[in-house]
Amino acid sequence: MKVVLFGLNGSYSHTCLATRCLRAPLERAGYDTVICEYNLRDMNAVILSRLVSERAEVYSFSCYIWNIASMLDIAADLKALLPKSKIVFGGPEVSFACERFDFDFIDYIVRGEGEEAIVKICKAINNGEQIDRIIDGGRPFVMKDEGILYREGDFESGTMLYYESSRGCPYRCAYCLSSATEGVRAKSVKQTLDDLRAFETLDSKIKIIKFVDRTFNFNINRANEIWRALLSDEFTKNYHFEVCANLLNDESFEIFSKMPKGKIQLEIGLQSTNSETLDVISRHLDSEKIIEAALRIKELGNIHVHLDLIAGLPYEDLQSFRKSFNDAYFACDMLQLGFLKLLYGTELRNKADEYGYVASKKAPYTVLKSKWMSFEDLSLLTEIADILDRYREGGGFDTSLEYALEGVESPFDFYLGLRVFIAERDGRSIRKISQNDAYALLYQYISLNYPEKEETFSHLMHEDYAKKQVRKMPRFKK
């Protein structure tokens, strides 16, 4: 019996780890297993043609908030063309409130982890047995030494592979699906390092190994041992970790100080510095300690630090978010402004009425307003997030922007002012403005609002421009 594992990624640089997790148990059970992997920018007609050509008995769809709409469309057409094939939906987006997916073209839904469930479904189909339409995946022992799950030929494009060394999270944040499960299962230090060595044998174009572990350093001794091993030259990739900064200790910082520049990147969830907000979302972490740790790492100069904020959390109005933004801005290399999503299965979705939430009815269920933030407030923050992404995170303005913000008490007000200036001068969204116009608008903004910085800023902007462009920077009018 043939089984097709279908993954639909958000970017060409990504791979679908879920399909690899399911391939291993299916092949052990003796099934002919094929991975079909595409991107959201690929045409549905092209994807459908490939899926139909496989003529499989079972098609498994890995569903997330970013691909569910396309998954439903493709599955409906596939079932119409191959009515005898069985279609299985799994993944976080279909694991909660499964009644939302009561469509006749979906034969089975896996709720939760899929390694054992997909084999159970395939065995039942192969043997002509009747089983429930919704299968609870349980808690399979998936952290045994199965290796990296990737093979040569698994990645046609992109430079990044996802890797899982632990599953679960010790925290119960009210906005996160990880709060629906308890406990953490993890590979040993030896297994993890053996896996990272295995990545060294793959195609050399793979540059980044991104750990999907929700809290990589849940066990700080284990994390430190792995980080210390990465000091060795035998590990040549760039490694991304999502960590809890509160758990870092003196040994962590000592290891970080020795880390080759660019070898690791740390993503740290701050979310807010409002203590009332953090308390109500069950995120009982010291925000001051998080910022201190992030700044300490950033000042080492060898590790990229990424801090996350979430707009739309309970008890955080625009002024509170402004403070969170200002608290975080100088403590990181990249500040990511996310927007709260009312995911099915989370506490905040269950309390939507209590908090006055109005959210989009379609995935990704982004909050549109709350008791504390109007729709206009959140729209404003969306525009500021776009400007932040373009100027600070997008590259091309590194030294000039850093200089422009020296001594600025409120980075939030700086970007708010830039947003107003762009709206008045140009009127277009920052996403639709050319790179040359982006340079010009920032130069004009600094010249008019920070004239004492204009001369040095202009010199630094020329240097930034020369790093990205082959031609000389044009002369911008004030």
Foldseek 3Di string as FASTA:
>chain_A
DEEEEEEEDADLQEADVQLLLQVVLCVVVPHHYHYDYYYPPDDLVVSLVVVVVVVDQEYEYADDLVCNVSVVVSLVVNCVVVVNHAYEYEYQQCQFPVVVVPDPSHQAYEHPRDNVVVNVVVVCVVVVHDDDRYHYPPDDLSQDQPAQSDDAVSRPDHQEYEGEFKDADCFQFQQDLSNLDHDMDGHALVSVVVNLLVVVPYDPSRAEYEYPHQAQCPPVVRVLVNLLVQQDPSRRHAYEGEHALQPDDPSNLVSLLSHAARRYEYEYELQFQPPVLCVVRRNPDHSVSSLVSLQSSVVSVRYAYEYEHEPDTAPQALVRVQVRCLSRPNSGQHYAYHYGARRRNGNCVVCCVVFVWDFDPGPPGGTCATPRYHNVSVVLVVLLNQLCCVARVVFLQDPLVVVLCVPPNGVVVVSSLLSVQCCVPPVDRPVPDDPLVNLQSVLVSCCVPVVVCNPVSVVSSQVSNVVPDVDGRDDHDD
